[in-house]
Amino acid sequence: MFLKRSLLKAIGPGILFASTAIGVSHLVQSTRAGADYSFGLLLAIVLANILKYPFFEYCSRYANATKTSLIDGYQKIGKWMLVLYFLITISTMFFVTAAVGMVTSGFMENLLGIKTPMLMTSVVFVLCLLILLIGKYSILDSLIKIIGAVLLFSTLLAFFLTLNHGSANPQVLSLPVDFWTNKKDIGFLIALMGWMPTAIDLSTWNSLWTLERIKQTNYSPTMKETLFDFNFGYIISAVLSICFVTLGAYIMYGSGTPISNNKAEFANDVVNLYSSTIGNWSYIIIAVAAFSI
């Protein structure tokens, strides 16, 4: 019983990492990979998850062993390292935040039926800001566990319903003949693997969350408990990336339905196409899964 309670105190950062990773890279990119290439890019997704694992795992390990964040570790290397990390972060944060905000607001529009993009985007950012300002890590940790549970079970339900429904078109494991000479295809592959499960520079976040969890619970977990928490979240993220590829392949590949290049529009198309294929009764399941991400 003691071990179980101590493990529960350690669980949190890994789930937060999984929920952060599962977003545009999974719902939009993984689903589009399945929709455009069937299972042709499945190996690329699996490889990205495997090859990036040591870098993300190290951050949890470092935080547990030193009780400091990876950013503190960068500072020990030298000021130039902090400046480099700052420049990398500042060069991508606005684009990433805008993209995630647009997609999330698109899901909210789809779920609530309110067609006001700017209003929905503003609501999303205000809600996130209030959560962090008022509740800080404690509220974020509690909310993300609820959202993560909804995400996991609703996505798995959609996945198994789709498998049961079957594929409307034959699936392929190989890529198109001209894939490696097509700049658009290569660009998509780079983006897919670059953000699967998320960008490497976001690994510092996990070390910060590990330290915040220790402060929240006043419990210093063992290395084994910290790594269990991280591995649990990472495995969930990897499994769901495969689920979304399968959903895209089974429902959208070869369907003849035009695929929008706009991430928010594509996300809405995904929800509508899933519900129309599986059944209108499944609309709320798909919509909740999409918005939860």
Protein backbone atom coordinates (compact mmCIF):
# COMPACT_ATOMS: atom_id res chain seq x y z
CA MET A 1 0.00 0.00 0.00
CA PHE A 2 2.87 2.36 0.89
CA LEU A 3 4.50 1.79 -2.48
CA LYS A 4 1.22 2.43 -4.26
CA ARG A 5 0.66 5.72 -2.44
CA SER A 6 4.20 6.89 -3.09
CA LEU A 7 3.87 6.04 -6.77
CA LEU A 8 0.63 8.01 -7.00
CA LYS A 9 2.45 11.00 -5.54
CA ALA A 10 5.05 10.73 -8.30
CA ILE A 11 2.54 10.47 -11.15
CA GLY A 12 1.73 13.74 -12.88
CA PRO A 13 4.57 15.16 -14.99
CA GLY A 14 4.47 12.17 -17.36
CA ILE A 15 0.75 12.61 -17.98
CA LEU A 16 1.28 16.33 -18.49
CA PHE A 17 4.03 15.57 -21.00
CA ALA A 18 1.78 13.13 -22.88
CA SER A 19 -1.06 15.65 -23.02
CA THR A 20 1.32 18.32 -24.28
CA ALA A 21 2.79 16.02 -26.91
CA ILE A 22 -0.59 14.79 -28.14
CA GLY A 23 -1.90 17.73 -30.09
CA VAL A 24 -1.20 19.06 -33.54
CA SER A 25 1.52 16.42 -34.03
CA HIS A 26 -0.91 13.60 -33.33
CA LEU A 27 -4.42 14.62 -34.30
CA VAL A 28 -3.47 16.74 -37.30
CA GLN A 29 -0.09 15.41 -38.48
CA SER A 30 -0.55 11.71 -37.68
CA THR A 31 -4.09 11.68 -39.03
CA ARG A 32 -2.98 13.49 -42.18
CA ALA A 33 -0.15 10.97 -42.58
CA GLY A 34 -2.72 8.18 -42.57
CA ALA A 35 -5.11 10.12 -44.80
CA ASP A 36 -2.48 10.94 -47.44
CA TYR A 37 -0.15 7.93 -47.29
CA SER A 38 -2.14 5.18 -45.53
CA PHE A 39 0.41 3.30 -43.39
CA GLY A 40 3.37 4.39 -45.54
CA LEU A 41 4.71 6.75 -42.84
CA LEU A 42 3.93 4.53 -39.86
CA LEU A 43 7.58 3.46 -39.57
CA ALA A 44 8.70 7.11 -39.55
CA ILE A 45 6.35 7.83 -36.63
CA VAL A 46 7.53 4.79 -34.69
CA LEU A 47 11.18 5.69 -35.32
CA ALA A 48 10.64 9.30 -34.19
CA ASN A 49 9.15 8.09 -30.92
CA ILE A 50 11.99 5.62 -30.35
CA LEU A 51 14.88 7.91 -31.33
CA LYS A 52 13.68 10.86 -29.24
CA TYR A 53 12.92 8.80 -26.15
CA PRO A 54 16.43 9.04 -24.55
CA PHE A 55 16.44 12.84 -24.79
CA PHE A 56 13.09 13.25 -23.05
CA GLU A 57 13.75 10.50 -20.52
CA TYR A 58 17.03 12.12 -19.51
CA CYS A 59 15.23 15.27 -18.36
CA SER A 60 13.13 13.39 -15.82
CA ARG A 61 16.21 11.47 -14.73
CA TYR A 62 18.24 14.68 -14.38
CA ALA A 63 15.55 16.47 -12.34
CA ASN A 64 15.21 13.52 -9.96
CA ALA A 65 18.95 13.09 -9.47
CA THR A 66 19.94 16.75 -9.08
CA LYS A 67 16.66 18.30 -7.86
CA THR A 68 17.26 21.04 -10.43
CA SER A 69 15.81 21.66 -13.87
CA LEU A 70 17.56 21.15 -17.18
CA ILE A 71 17.63 24.94 -17.55
CA ASP A 72 19.74 25.08 -14.38
CA GLY A 73 21.96 22.50 -16.03
CA TYR A 74 22.32 24.73 -19.09
CA GLN A 75 23.34 27.60 -16.81
CA LYS A 76 26.11 25.48 -15.33
CA ILE A 77 27.48 24.92 -18.83
CA GLY A 78 27.65 28.65 -19.44
CA LYS A 79 25.62 31.77 -20.12
CA TRP A 80 25.97 31.20 -23.85
CA MET A 81 23.98 27.97 -23.50
CA LEU A 82 21.08 29.79 -21.85
CA VAL A 83 21.15 32.43 -24.58
CA LEU A 84 21.13 29.71 -27.25
CA TYR A 85 18.17 27.97 -25.62
CA PHE A 86 16.36 31.31 -25.32
CA LEU A 87 16.89 32.07 -29.01
CA ILE A 88 15.65 28.62 -30.03
CA THR A 89 12.56 29.02 -27.85
CA ILE A 90 11.75 32.58 -28.91
CA SER A 91 12.14 31.68 -32.59
CA THR A 92 9.40 29.05 -32.42
CA MET A 93 7.10 29.86 -29.49
CA PHE A 94 4.83 32.36 -31.25
CA PHE A 95 4.28 30.15 -34.29
CA VAL A 96 3.65 27.06 -32.17
CA THR A 97 1.31 28.85 -29.75
CA ALA A 98 -0.65 30.38 -32.62
CA ALA A 99 -0.99 27.04 -34.42
CA VAL A 100 -2.09 25.16 -31.31
CA GLY A 101 -4.48 27.97 -30.36
CA MET A 102 -6.11 27.97 -33.80
CA VAL A 103 -6.58 24.21 -33.83
CA THR A 104 -7.96 24.15 -30.28
CA SER A 105 -10.39 26.97 -31.04
CA GLY A 106 -11.45 25.06 -34.14
CA PHE A 107 -12.29 22.05 -31.97
CA MET A 108 -14.20 24.28 -29.55
CA GLU A 109 -16.20 25.73 -32.45
CA ASN A 110 -16.94 22.22 -33.65
CA LEU A 111 -17.95 21.01 -30.19
CA LEU A 112 -20.08 24.02 -29.20
CA GLY A 113 -21.31 25.01 -32.65
CA ILE A 114 -20.11 28.61 -32.26
CA LYS A 115 -18.59 29.89 -35.51
CA THR A 116 -16.52 32.83 -34.25
CA PRO A 117 -12.82 31.90 -34.64
CA MET A 118 -11.33 35.01 -33.00
CA LEU A 119 -13.66 34.76 -30.01
CA MET A 120 -12.94 31.07 -29.51
CA THR A 121 -9.19 31.60 -29.81
CA SER A 122 -9.36 34.40 -27.24
CA VAL A 123 -11.44 32.24 -24.89
CA VAL A 124 -8.90 29.39 -25.14
CA PHE A 125 -5.94 31.64 -24.30
CA VAL A 126 -7.77 33.45 -21.49
CA LEU A 127 -8.78 30.14 -19.90
CA CYS A 128 -5.21 28.84 -20.09
CA LEU A 129 -3.87 32.08 -18.62
CA LEU A 130 -6.36 32.04 -15.73
CA ILE A 131 -5.57 28.41 -14.92
CA LEU A 132 -1.85 29.13 -14.72
CA LEU A 133 -2.20 32.43 -12.84
CA ILE A 134 -4.74 31.26 -10.28
CA GLY A 135 -4.05 27.57 -9.80
CA LYS A 136 -0.51 27.33 -11.13
CA TYR A 137 0.92 23.80 -11.37
CA SER A 138 -1.49 22.26 -8.85
CA ILE A 139 -4.65 23.04 -10.84
CA LEU A 140 -2.90 22.28 -14.12
CA ASP A 141 -1.90 18.86 -12.80
CA SER A 142 -5.43 18.04 -11.62
CA LEU A 143 -7.12 19.25 -14.81
CA ILE A 144 -4.69 17.51 -17.11
CA LYS A 145 -5.35 14.16 -15.44
CA ILE A 146 -9.08 14.56 -16.11
CA ILE A 147 -8.50 15.75 -19.67
CA GLY A 148 -5.93 13.02 -20.22
CA ALA A 149 -8.39 10.35 -19.11
CA VAL A 150 -11.09 11.71 -21.45
CA LEU A 151 -8.57 11.88 -24.28
CA LEU A 152 -7.26 8.37 -23.75
CA PHE A 153 -10.58 6.56 -23.43
CA SER A 154 -12.47 8.52 -26.09
CA THR A 155 -9.63 8.11 -28.60
CA LEU A 156 -9.25 4.40 -27.91
CA LEU A 157 -13.02 4.00 -28.25
CA ALA A 158 -12.94 5.81 -31.59
CA PHE A 159 -9.97 3.66 -32.64
CA PHE A 160 -11.67 0.34 -31.85
CA LEU A 161 -14.96 1.50 -33.38
CA THR A 162 -13.08 2.34 -36.58
CA LEU A 163 -11.34 -1.05 -36.62
CA ASN A 164 -14.68 -2.74 -36.12
CA HIS A 165 -16.23 -0.67 -38.89
CA GLY A 166 -13.41 -1.62 -41.24
CA SER A 167 -11.58 0.25 -43.96
CA ALA A 168 -13.55 1.49 -46.95
CA ASN A 169 -10.46 1.34 -49.19
CA PRO A 170 -7.42 -0.98 -49.52
CA GLN A 171 -4.50 0.08 -47.31
CA VAL A 172 -0.83 0.25 -48.34
CA LEU A 173 2.43 0.05 -46.41
CA SER A 174 4.66 1.57 -49.09
CA LEU A 175 5.12 5.21 -50.06
CA PRO A 176 4.32 6.65 -53.51
CA VAL A 177 7.02 6.11 -56.12
CA ASP A 178 7.77 9.84 -56.41
CA PHE A 179 7.73 10.49 -52.64
CA TRP A 180 11.49 11.10 -52.26
CA THR A 181 11.57 13.53 -55.19
CA ASN A 182 8.52 15.52 -54.13
CA LYS A 183 9.43 18.58 -52.03
CA LYS A 184 5.96 18.76 -50.49
CA ASP A 185 6.15 15.15 -49.32
CA ILE A 186 9.67 15.59 -47.91
CA GLY A 187 8.58 18.76 -46.12
CA PHE A 188 5.66 16.95 -44.53
CA LEU A 189 7.92 14.09 -43.41
CA ILE A 190 10.33 16.54 -41.76
CA ALA A 191 7.49 18.30 -39.94
CA LEU A 192 5.93 14.99 -38.92
CA MET A 193 9.11 13.56 -37.40
CA GLY A 194 10.25 16.91 -36.02
CA TRP A 195 7.10 17.28 -33.94
CA MET A 196 6.63 13.61 -33.05
CA PRO A 197 5.93 13.34 -30.19
CA THR A 198 7.00 16.97 -29.75
CA ALA A 199 10.03 19.20 -30.30
CA ILE A 200 13.22 18.24 -28.47
CA ASP A 201 13.63 21.69 -26.91
CA LEU A 202 10.41 21.14 -24.95
CA SER A 203 12.20 18.46 -22.94
CA THR A 204 13.14 21.14 -20.40
CA TRP A 205 9.47 21.47 -19.48
CA ASN A 206 9.37 17.94 -18.17
CA SER A 207 12.22 18.62 -15.75
CA LEU A 208 10.37 21.70 -14.47
CA TRP A 209 7.14 19.74 -14.02
CA THR A 210 9.00 17.02 -12.12
CA LEU A 211 10.30 19.60 -9.65
CA GLU A 212 6.88 21.25 -9.32
CA ARG A 213 5.29 17.89 -8.55
CA ILE A 214 7.84 17.36 -5.76
CA LYS A 215 6.94 20.78 -4.30
CA GLN A 216 3.22 20.08 -4.63
CA THR A 217 3.30 16.73 -2.81
CA ASN A 218 6.27 17.37 -0.50
CA TYR A 219 7.45 13.94 -1.58
CA SER A 220 10.74 13.19 -3.27
CA PRO A 221 10.14 10.14 -5.49
CA THR A 222 12.73 7.50 -6.17
CA MET A 223 14.37 7.37 -9.57
CA LYS A 224 12.28 4.29 -10.38
CA GLU A 225 9.04 6.10 -9.56
CA THR A 226 9.97 9.18 -11.59
CA LEU A 227 10.88 7.08 -14.62
CA PHE A 228 7.70 5.02 -14.26
CA ASP A 229 5.69 8.25 -14.43
CA PHE A 230 7.56 9.44 -17.52
CA ASN A 231 7.45 6.08 -19.30
CA PHE A 232 3.73 5.77 -18.62
CA GLY A 233 3.05 9.10 -20.30
CA TYR A 234 5.47 8.50 -23.16
CA ILE A 235 3.98 5.11 -24.00
CA ILE A 236 0.47 6.58 -24.02
CA SER A 237 1.65 9.30 -26.40
CA ALA A 238 3.33 6.76 -28.72
CA VAL A 239 0.34 4.41 -28.76
CA LEU A 240 -2.10 7.22 -29.56
CA SER A 241 0.09 8.43 -32.43
CA ILE A 242 -0.39 5.01 -34.02
CA CYS A 243 -4.12 5.16 -33.28
CA PHE A 244 -4.47 8.44 -35.18
CA VAL A 245 -2.52 7.14 -38.17
CA THR A 246 -4.89 4.18 -38.27
CA LEU A 247 -7.95 6.43 -38.00
CA GLY A 248 -6.70 8.60 -40.85
CA ALA A 249 -5.85 5.60 -43.02
CA TYR A 250 -9.08 3.69 -42.42
CA ILE A 251 -11.46 6.62 -42.78
CA MET A 252 -9.83 9.23 -45.01
CA TYR A 253 -7.30 7.43 -47.23
CA GLY A 254 -8.71 6.97 -50.72
CA SER A 255 -12.06 8.48 -49.73
CA GLY A 256 -11.86 11.18 -52.38
CA THR A 257 -12.64 13.85 -49.79
CA PRO A 258 -10.52 17.02 -50.30
CA ILE A 259 -8.08 17.55 -47.43
CA SER A 260 -7.68 21.16 -46.26
CA ASN A 261 -4.18 22.56 -45.76
CA ASN A 262 -5.47 24.75 -42.92
CA LYS A 263 -4.86 22.95 -39.61
CA ALA A 264 -8.04 24.20 -37.93
CA GLU A 265 -10.21 23.38 -40.95
CA PHE A 266 -8.55 19.99 -41.32
CA ALA A 267 -9.23 19.23 -37.65
CA ASN A 268 -12.90 20.05 -38.12
CA ASP A 269 -13.02 17.95 -41.29
CA VAL A 270 -11.56 15.04 -39.32
CA VAL A 271 -14.29 15.20 -36.66
CA ASN A 272 -17.07 15.48 -39.24
CA LEU A 273 -15.70 12.72 -41.45
CA TYR A 274 -15.18 10.35 -38.51
CA SER A 275 -18.71 10.85 -37.22
CA SER A 276 -20.28 10.50 -40.68
CA THR A 277 -18.34 7.29 -41.33
CA ILE A 278 -18.73 5.59 -37.96
CA GLY A 279 -22.19 7.00 -37.25
CA ASN A 280 -23.71 10.30 -36.17
CA TRP A 281 -24.11 8.94 -32.64
CA SER A 282 -20.30 8.89 -32.33
CA TYR A 283 -19.97 12.61 -33.07
CA ILE A 284 -19.72 13.67 -29.43
CA ILE A 285 -17.08 10.99 -28.73
CA ILE A 286 -14.84 12.18 -31.56
CA ALA A 287 -15.46 15.85 -30.77
CA VAL A 288 -14.58 15.42 -27.09
CA ALA A 289 -11.44 13.46 -27.98
CA ALA A 290 -10.37 16.15 -30.44
CA PHE A 291 -11.00 19.08 -28.11
CA SER A 292 -9.36 17.32 -25.15
CA ILE A 293 -6.10 17.14 -27.07
